[in-house]
Amino acid sequence: MRSRCGSRSPPTSAAPGGVRTDPDRVVVTHGFADLLSLVARALVARGARRAAVEQYGHAAHRAVLAAAGLEVVALPVDDGGADVSLLDALGRERPVDVVLLTPAHQFPTGVPLSPARRGALVAWAARTGATVVEDDYDGELRYDRRAVGALQALDPDHVVYAGTASKALAPGVGLAWGAVPAGLLDDVVAQRRVLGGSPDAIGQLTLARFLADHEYDRAVRRARARYRARRERLATLVAEHLPGGRLLGLPAGLQAVLELPPGTDEDAVVDRAARRGAELLALGAYAVAPGLPGAGAPTTGSPPPSRAPAVVVGYGAPRDHQVEQAFATLLREIDPLSGTSPRRSSRGATGAPPGRGRRSAGSS
């Protein structure tokens, strides 16, 4: 359960901003959902009853929290990330015991948690005794500058830092690590014993060798260069061929929110793209209503008046030779629904000839 990577902490490139921990407080799990389950169950065993999550996020993670016995409520997300100032208001009826956030690069909107909100969040956690779970799902993949510093470094006693090799290497690696507060560590380990299924030692030792030989850092640099080029290409094509559209969020990670021209039906865009073999999701598919129980079905239909229509475009899945065609398919399927007069080249939206077959330009 605890790290079998010798005396190493998690890879430095995957734990930016000086994560404050030591090897004995690092736990290794099958993936982030496994780690989240252990932490949630440990907290419930200690009396936790309520968890706050971001308005936009993975429904599977909300389900993990609910399965552990937590009531899940949602915090609204804006350009400054999750509005953590509402935690006290949410706690008036029943205390919020745990908060799950993606502060470095909110998933899927791509915004970072603002410095003021970062400070307010850790101050709230210290005052209330709550636990914050920091999901740093793609911390290695920031393209314009150094990665945003880890929230955990501000308060190691109340923040669980979670990292993974899935984005930098491959989902099949199946390993995540958590820097767990000292006061919570034994309870998390106890949950592993109850549930069983520790990650295999061979996988951990292989990753340890990968780190020792500096292959992990080299793999991160290659991935960063590849996906930076893809995002820049997508941004260029949107600017050139989709009037009224724009990419939102930080230049980072394997996905971006594409804000659609006003009046576009985001669900219709998803349906049209699917018929052409391009997989993507409407931003609303990731949402739950702020302040309401957040473990149920996603919000569907037209976006609220405060939000423009948008889709989440993943650019990590296509092979290199498929990227241009995947982007071309996406932009072609938006054009008839946008009500704008797109600028086209003689060879289609991106200058590439139309093709057939399945091209994933959806969430990664």
Protein backbone atom coordinates (compact mmCIF):
# COMPACT_ATOMS: atom_id res chain seq x y z
CA MET A 1 0.00 0.00 0.00
CA ARG A 2 2.65 2.48 0.95
CA SER A 3 5.11 3.48 -1.71
CA ARG A 4 7.33 0.67 -2.92
CA CYS A 5 9.35 3.09 -5.05
CA GLY A 6 12.32 2.83 -2.71
CA SER A 7 12.71 6.06 -0.73
CA ARG A 8 11.23 8.19 -3.47
CA SER A 9 8.33 10.58 -3.24
CA PRO A 10 6.14 10.96 -6.35
CA PRO A 11 7.96 12.11 -9.49
CA THR A 12 8.99 15.75 -9.16
CA SER A 13 7.51 16.66 -12.55
CA ALA A 14 4.17 15.27 -11.40
CA ALA A 15 4.27 17.02 -8.03
CA PRO A 16 4.92 20.68 -8.75
CA GLY A 17 5.30 23.53 -6.33
CA GLY A 18 7.14 21.69 -3.56
CA VAL A 19 4.68 19.09 -2.29
CA ARG A 20 5.58 18.71 1.38
CA THR A 21 5.66 15.06 2.38
CA ASP A 22 8.00 12.18 3.09
CA PRO A 23 8.10 8.64 1.67
CA ASP A 24 6.28 7.11 4.63
CA ARG A 25 3.23 9.30 3.93
CA VAL A 26 2.96 8.42 0.23
CA VAL A 27 0.38 5.78 -0.67
CA VAL A 28 0.21 4.12 -4.08
CA THR A 29 -3.12 3.01 -5.54
CA HIS A 30 -4.60 1.59 -8.75
CA GLY A 31 -5.58 5.04 -9.96
CA PHE A 32 -7.13 8.26 -8.72
CA ALA A 33 -10.60 6.77 -8.18
CA ASP A 34 -9.08 4.06 -5.98
CA LEU A 35 -7.23 6.66 -3.90
CA LEU A 36 -10.36 8.84 -3.65
CA SER A 37 -12.39 5.86 -2.47
CA LEU A 38 -9.89 5.03 0.27
CA VAL A 39 -9.72 8.62 1.50
CA ALA A 40 -13.51 9.06 1.40
CA ARG A 41 -14.16 5.82 3.26
CA ALA A 42 -11.53 6.70 5.87
CA LEU A 43 -13.18 10.07 6.44
CA VAL A 44 -16.68 8.56 6.65
CA ALA A 45 -15.40 6.09 9.27
CA ARG A 46 -14.30 9.14 11.26
CA GLY A 47 -17.72 10.78 11.00
CA ALA A 48 -17.62 12.73 7.73
CA ARG A 49 -21.02 13.10 6.08
CA ARG A 50 -20.81 15.78 3.38
CA ALA A 51 -18.48 16.48 0.43
CA ALA A 52 -18.28 19.52 -1.83
CA VAL A 53 -17.16 19.19 -5.45
CA GLU A 54 -16.78 21.57 -8.38
CA GLN A 55 -19.87 22.28 -10.46
CA TYR A 56 -18.11 20.76 -13.48
CA GLY A 57 -16.23 17.48 -13.15
CA HIS A 58 -16.26 13.72 -13.55
CA ALA A 59 -19.56 12.11 -12.62
CA ALA A 60 -17.56 8.98 -11.73
CA HIS A 61 -15.72 10.85 -8.98
CA ARG A 62 -18.98 12.15 -7.54
CA ALA A 63 -20.24 8.58 -7.58
CA VAL A 64 -17.17 7.38 -5.66
CA LEU A 65 -17.84 9.91 -2.92
CA ALA A 66 -21.52 8.98 -2.78
CA ALA A 67 -20.70 5.26 -2.67
CA ALA A 68 -18.50 5.91 0.36
CA GLY A 69 -21.53 7.36 2.17
CA LEU A 70 -21.08 11.10 1.56
CA GLU A 71 -23.76 13.55 0.51
CA VAL A 72 -22.32 15.43 -2.47
CA VAL A 73 -22.97 19.14 -3.07
CA ALA A 74 -21.52 21.34 -5.80
CA LEU A 75 -19.65 24.66 -5.80
CA PRO A 76 -20.13 26.99 -8.79
CA VAL A 77 -17.13 27.49 -11.08
CA ASP A 78 -16.18 30.78 -12.72
CA ASP A 79 -13.00 32.33 -14.12
CA GLY A 80 -11.39 32.06 -10.68
CA GLY A 81 -12.15 28.37 -10.28
CA ALA A 82 -14.50 26.94 -7.66
CA ASP A 83 -16.18 29.57 -5.49
CA VAL A 84 -14.94 28.31 -2.13
CA SER A 85 -16.40 31.37 -0.36
CA LEU A 86 -19.69 29.44 -0.35
CA LEU A 87 -18.36 26.63 1.84
CA ASP A 88 -19.46 28.34 5.05
CA ALA A 89 -22.95 28.92 3.64
CA LEU A 90 -23.21 25.29 2.54
CA GLY A 91 -22.09 24.22 5.99
CA ARG A 92 -24.80 26.06 7.90
CA GLU A 93 -27.29 23.26 7.37
CA ARG A 94 -24.75 20.46 7.72
CA PRO A 95 -20.95 20.78 7.88
CA VAL A 96 -18.88 20.14 4.75
CA ASP A 97 -16.21 17.64 5.77
CA VAL A 98 -14.29 17.12 2.53
CA VAL A 99 -13.74 19.14 -0.64
CA LEU A 100 -12.60 17.61 -3.94
CA LEU A 101 -10.97 20.09 -6.33
CA THR A 102 -8.75 20.28 -9.42
CA PRO A 103 -7.11 23.61 -8.42
CA ALA A 104 -4.20 23.73 -10.88
CA HIS A 105 -6.33 23.16 -14.00
CA GLN A 106 -10.03 22.77 -13.31
CA PHE A 107 -11.52 19.83 -15.16
CA PRO A 108 -12.90 20.36 -17.69
CA THR A 109 -13.10 24.18 -17.85
CA GLY A 110 -9.33 24.64 -17.67
CA VAL A 111 -9.24 27.56 -15.21
CA PRO A 112 -6.91 27.61 -12.18
CA LEU A 113 -8.11 28.31 -8.66
CA SER A 114 -7.24 31.95 -7.99
CA PRO A 115 -4.55 32.78 -5.40
CA ALA A 116 -7.12 34.45 -3.14
CA ARG A 117 -9.36 31.39 -3.23
CA ARG A 118 -6.43 29.05 -2.61
CA GLY A 119 -5.58 30.97 0.54
CA ALA A 120 -9.22 31.12 1.62
CA LEU A 121 -9.67 27.38 1.07
CA VAL A 122 -6.74 26.27 3.22
CA ALA A 123 -7.71 28.79 5.91
CA TRP A 124 -11.25 27.35 5.90
CA ALA A 125 -9.91 23.77 6.12
CA ALA A 126 -7.63 24.64 9.03
CA ARG A 127 -10.47 26.44 10.86
CA THR A 128 -13.07 23.70 10.36
CA GLY A 129 -10.83 20.61 10.40
CA ALA A 130 -12.06 19.58 6.94
CA THR A 131 -9.97 17.69 4.39
CA VAL A 132 -9.24 18.91 0.87
CA VAL A 133 -8.44 16.39 -1.87
CA GLU A 134 -6.28 18.01 -4.57
CA ASP A 135 -6.58 16.12 -7.85
CA ASP A 136 -3.51 17.14 -9.86
CA TYR A 137 -4.53 15.05 -12.83
CA ASP A 138 -2.33 16.72 -15.48
CA GLY A 139 0.13 18.88 -13.55
CA GLU A 140 3.01 17.95 -15.86
CA LEU A 141 1.31 19.33 -18.95
CA ARG A 142 1.39 23.13 -18.63
CA TYR A 143 2.51 24.70 -21.90
CA ASP A 144 3.04 28.41 -21.36
CA ARG A 145 4.92 28.51 -18.06
CA ARG A 146 5.81 26.52 -14.98
CA ALA A 147 3.01 24.46 -13.48
CA VAL A 148 0.77 26.03 -10.85
CA GLY A 149 2.11 25.25 -7.37
CA ALA A 150 0.54 22.47 -5.34
CA LEU A 151 -2.19 23.53 -2.93
CA GLN A 152 -0.93 20.85 -0.54
CA ALA A 153 2.26 22.85 0.09
CA LEU A 154 0.15 25.50 1.84
CA ASP A 155 -1.30 23.07 4.41
CA PRO A 156 0.01 19.48 4.40
CA ASP A 157 -2.10 18.65 7.47
CA HIS A 158 -5.42 19.22 5.71
CA VAL A 159 -4.75 18.57 2.02
CA VAL A 160 -4.36 15.19 0.29
CA TYR A 161 -2.29 15.65 -2.87
CA ALA A 162 -3.10 13.13 -5.62
CA GLY A 163 -0.96 12.57 -8.71
CA THR A 164 -0.98 10.01 -11.49
CA ALA A 165 1.13 8.80 -14.41
CA SER A 166 -1.90 8.24 -16.65
CA LYS A 167 -1.64 11.47 -18.66
CA ALA A 168 2.15 11.65 -19.04
CA LEU A 169 2.64 7.94 -19.82
CA ALA A 170 -0.56 6.02 -20.57
CA PRO A 171 -3.86 5.18 -18.85
CA GLY A 172 -2.78 1.55 -18.78
CA VAL A 173 -0.04 2.33 -16.24
CA GLY A 174 -2.82 2.32 -13.66
CA LEU A 175 -0.89 3.90 -10.78
CA ALA A 176 -1.69 6.95 -8.68
CA TRP A 177 -0.05 8.29 -5.54
CA GLY A 178 -1.29 10.37 -2.67
CA ALA A 179 0.60 12.53 -0.18
CA VAL A 180 -1.66 11.94 2.82
CA PRO A 181 -1.75 14.05 6.00
CA ALA A 182 -0.05 12.28 8.88
CA GLY A 183 -3.24 12.29 10.95
CA LEU A 184 -5.20 10.51 8.20
CA LEU A 185 -2.60 8.03 6.96
CA ASP A 186 -3.34 5.10 9.28
CA ASP A 187 -7.06 5.28 8.52
CA VAL A 188 -6.40 5.25 4.76
CA VAL A 189 -4.10 2.24 5.14
CA ALA A 190 -6.77 0.51 7.23
CA GLN A 191 -9.28 0.97 4.41
CA ARG A 192 -6.84 -0.64 1.99
CA ARG A 193 -6.62 -3.66 4.26
CA VAL A 194 -10.42 -3.90 4.40
CA LEU A 195 -10.92 -3.53 0.65
CA GLY A 196 -7.79 -5.43 -0.42
CA GLY A 197 -6.32 -5.20 -3.90
CA SER A 198 -3.03 -3.36 -3.45
CA PRO A 199 -1.22 -2.37 -6.67
CA ASP A 200 1.21 -5.00 -7.87
CA ALA A 201 4.82 -4.61 -6.79
CA ILE A 202 6.14 -5.19 -10.32
CA GLY A 203 4.31 -2.15 -11.66
CA GLN A 204 5.58 0.01 -8.82
CA LEU A 205 9.15 -1.18 -9.20
CA THR A 206 9.00 -0.62 -12.95
CA LEU A 207 7.88 2.97 -12.41
CA ALA A 208 10.63 3.40 -9.81
CA ARG A 209 13.23 2.30 -12.37
CA PHE A 210 11.67 4.61 -14.94
CA LEU A 211 12.16 7.47 -12.49
CA ALA A 212 15.70 6.50 -11.52
CA ASP A 213 16.77 6.39 -15.17
CA HIS A 214 15.15 9.79 -15.85
CA GLU A 215 12.91 8.20 -18.47
CA TYR A 216 9.81 9.62 -16.80
CA ASP A 217 11.05 13.18 -17.21
CA ARG A 218 11.97 12.52 -20.82
CA ALA A 219 8.50 11.06 -21.47
CA VAL A 220 6.91 14.15 -19.90
CA ARG A 221 8.95 16.48 -22.11
CA ARG A 222 7.95 14.54 -25.23
CA ALA A 223 4.28 14.55 -24.23
CA ARG A 224 4.39 18.26 -23.42
CA ALA A 225 5.81 19.11 -26.84
CA ARG A 226 3.31 16.90 -28.68
CA TYR A 227 0.21 18.16 -26.92
CA ARG A 228 1.31 21.79 -26.90
CA ALA A 229 1.53 21.62 -30.70
CA ARG A 230 -1.94 20.06 -30.90
CA ARG A 231 -3.55 22.71 -28.71
CA GLU A 232 -1.84 25.53 -30.60
CA ARG A 233 -3.04 24.05 -33.89
CA LEU A 234 -6.60 23.79 -32.61
CA ALA A 235 -6.51 27.40 -31.37
CA THR A 236 -5.25 28.56 -34.77
CA LEU A 237 -7.96 26.69 -36.66
CA VAL A 238 -10.71 27.99 -34.40
CA ALA A 239 -9.48 31.58 -34.83
CA GLU A 240 -9.28 31.19 -38.61
CA HIS A 241 -12.41 29.19 -39.36
CA LEU A 242 -14.95 29.62 -36.55
CA PRO A 243 -16.07 33.24 -36.11
CA GLY A 244 -17.50 33.72 -32.64
CA GLY A 245 -15.72 30.64 -31.27
CA ARG A 246 -12.72 30.53 -28.94
CA LEU A 247 -10.76 28.18 -26.69
CA LEU A 248 -11.09 28.79 -22.97
CA GLY A 249 -8.85 27.99 -20.03
CA LEU A 250 -5.13 27.59 -19.52
CA PRO A 251 -2.91 26.22 -22.30
CA ALA A 252 -2.44 22.91 -20.52
CA GLY A 253 -3.57 19.32 -20.37
CA LEU A 254 -5.23 17.11 -22.95
CA GLN A 255 -8.54 18.92 -23.35
CA ALA A 256 -9.90 22.41 -23.93
CA VAL A 257 -13.31 23.99 -23.71
CA LEU A 258 -14.40 25.32 -27.09
CA GLU A 259 -16.89 28.14 -26.63
CA LEU A 260 -19.28 28.01 -29.58
CA PRO A 261 -20.72 30.94 -31.52
CA PRO A 262 -23.76 32.48 -29.80
CA GLY A 263 -26.96 30.56 -30.44
CA THR A 264 -25.28 27.25 -31.24
CA ASP A 265 -26.89 24.15 -29.71
CA GLU A 266 -24.03 22.33 -27.99
CA ASP A 267 -25.92 19.03 -27.81
CA ALA A 268 -26.65 19.19 -31.55
CA VAL A 269 -22.93 19.72 -32.22
CA VAL A 270 -22.12 16.61 -30.18
CA ASP A 271 -24.72 14.56 -32.07
CA ARG A 272 -23.52 15.70 -35.50
CA ALA A 273 -19.88 15.05 -34.62
CA ALA A 274 -20.73 11.57 -33.34
CA ARG A 275 -22.33 10.69 -36.69
CA ARG A 276 -19.00 11.58 -38.32
CA GLY A 277 -17.01 9.51 -35.84
CA ALA A 278 -15.72 12.40 -33.69
CA GLU A 279 -16.27 11.91 -29.97
CA LEU A 280 -16.82 14.94 -27.74
CA LEU A 281 -19.14 16.04 -24.97
CA ALA A 282 -21.12 19.19 -24.28
CA LEU A 283 -19.78 21.15 -21.33
CA GLY A 284 -23.19 20.70 -19.71
CA ALA A 285 -22.63 16.95 -19.62
CA TYR A 286 -20.06 17.47 -16.87
CA ALA A 287 -22.25 19.76 -14.75
CA VAL A 288 -24.45 19.50 -11.71
CA ALA A 289 -26.48 22.31 -10.20
CA PRO A 290 -24.46 24.34 -7.67
CA GLY A 291 -25.52 23.90 -4.08
CA LEU A 292 -27.66 20.85 -4.88
CA PRO A 293 -26.84 17.16 -4.38
CA GLY A 294 -24.21 16.41 -7.00
CA ALA A 295 -24.12 12.64 -7.38
CA GLY A 296 -26.96 12.31 -9.82
CA ALA A 297 -27.38 12.72 -13.56
CA PRO A 298 -25.55 15.51 -15.41
CA THR A 299 -27.25 18.68 -16.47
CA THR A 300 -28.49 18.43 -20.07
CA GLY A 301 -30.17 20.66 -22.62
CA SER A 302 -29.46 24.33 -23.26
CA PRO A 303 -26.82 26.01 -21.07
CA PRO A 304 -28.03 28.50 -18.45
CA PRO A 305 -28.18 32.16 -19.55
CA SER A 306 -24.96 32.89 -17.65
CA ARG A 307 -22.94 30.42 -19.78
CA ALA A 308 -22.28 30.42 -23.50
CA PRO A 309 -22.70 27.10 -25.38
CA ALA A 310 -19.51 25.05 -25.32
CA VAL A 311 -18.08 21.60 -25.96
CA VAL A 312 -15.08 19.86 -24.42
CA VAL A 313 -12.52 18.93 -27.07
CA GLY A 314 -9.94 16.30 -26.17
CA TYR A 315 -6.81 16.16 -28.30
CA GLY A 316 -4.88 13.41 -26.56
CA ALA A 317 -6.44 10.33 -28.15
CA PRO A 318 -5.91 10.71 -31.94
CA ARG A 319 -2.72 9.39 -33.50
CA ASP A 320 -0.47 12.06 -34.92
CA HIS A 321 -1.65 11.47 -38.48
CA GLN A 322 -5.32 11.73 -37.41
CA VAL A 323 -5.19 15.04 -35.55
CA GLU A 324 -5.72 17.36 -38.51
CA GLN A 325 -8.66 15.36 -39.80
CA ALA A 326 -10.22 15.13 -36.33
CA PHE A 327 -10.12 18.91 -35.95
CA ALA A 328 -11.47 19.33 -39.49
CA THR A 329 -14.43 17.07 -38.72
CA LEU A 330 -15.20 19.00 -35.55
CA LEU A 331 -15.22 22.40 -37.24
CA ARG A 332 -17.27 21.17 -40.20
CA GLU A 333 -19.98 19.89 -37.88
CA ILE A 334 -20.17 23.16 -35.97
CA ASP A 335 -20.48 25.37 -39.07
CA PRO A 336 -24.08 24.55 -40.07
CA LEU A 337 -25.30 25.03 -36.48
CA SER A 338 -23.52 28.25 -35.57
CA GLY A 339 -25.50 30.73 -37.66
CA THR A 340 -22.24 32.45 -38.66
CA SER A 341 -20.52 32.83 -41.99
CA PRO A 342 -17.37 30.72 -41.53
CA ARG A 343 -14.23 31.37 -43.52
CA ARG A 344 -13.45 28.25 -45.51
CA SER A 345 -10.57 27.16 -47.63
CA SER A 346 -11.23 25.25 -50.82
CA ARG A 347 -10.34 22.00 -49.05
CA GLY A 348 -12.61 22.21 -46.01
CA ALA A 349 -12.47 23.89 -42.64
CA THR A 350 -8.79 23.19 -42.01
CA GLY A 351 -7.47 22.97 -45.54
CA ALA A 352 -7.45 19.18 -45.23
CA PRO A 353 -9.57 16.97 -47.47
CA PRO A 354 -12.58 15.40 -45.75
CA GLY A 355 -12.11 11.81 -44.75
CA ARG A 356 -13.96 8.86 -43.28
CA GLY A 357 -13.57 6.68 -40.25
CA ARG A 358 -13.56 7.33 -36.52
CA ARG A 359 -11.52 10.31 -35.31
CA SER A 360 -11.61 11.14 -31.62
CA ALA A 361 -11.63 14.86 -30.91
CA GLY A 362 -13.53 14.39 -27.69
CA SER A 363 -12.68 14.40 -24.02
CA SER A 364 -9.51 12.54 -23.14
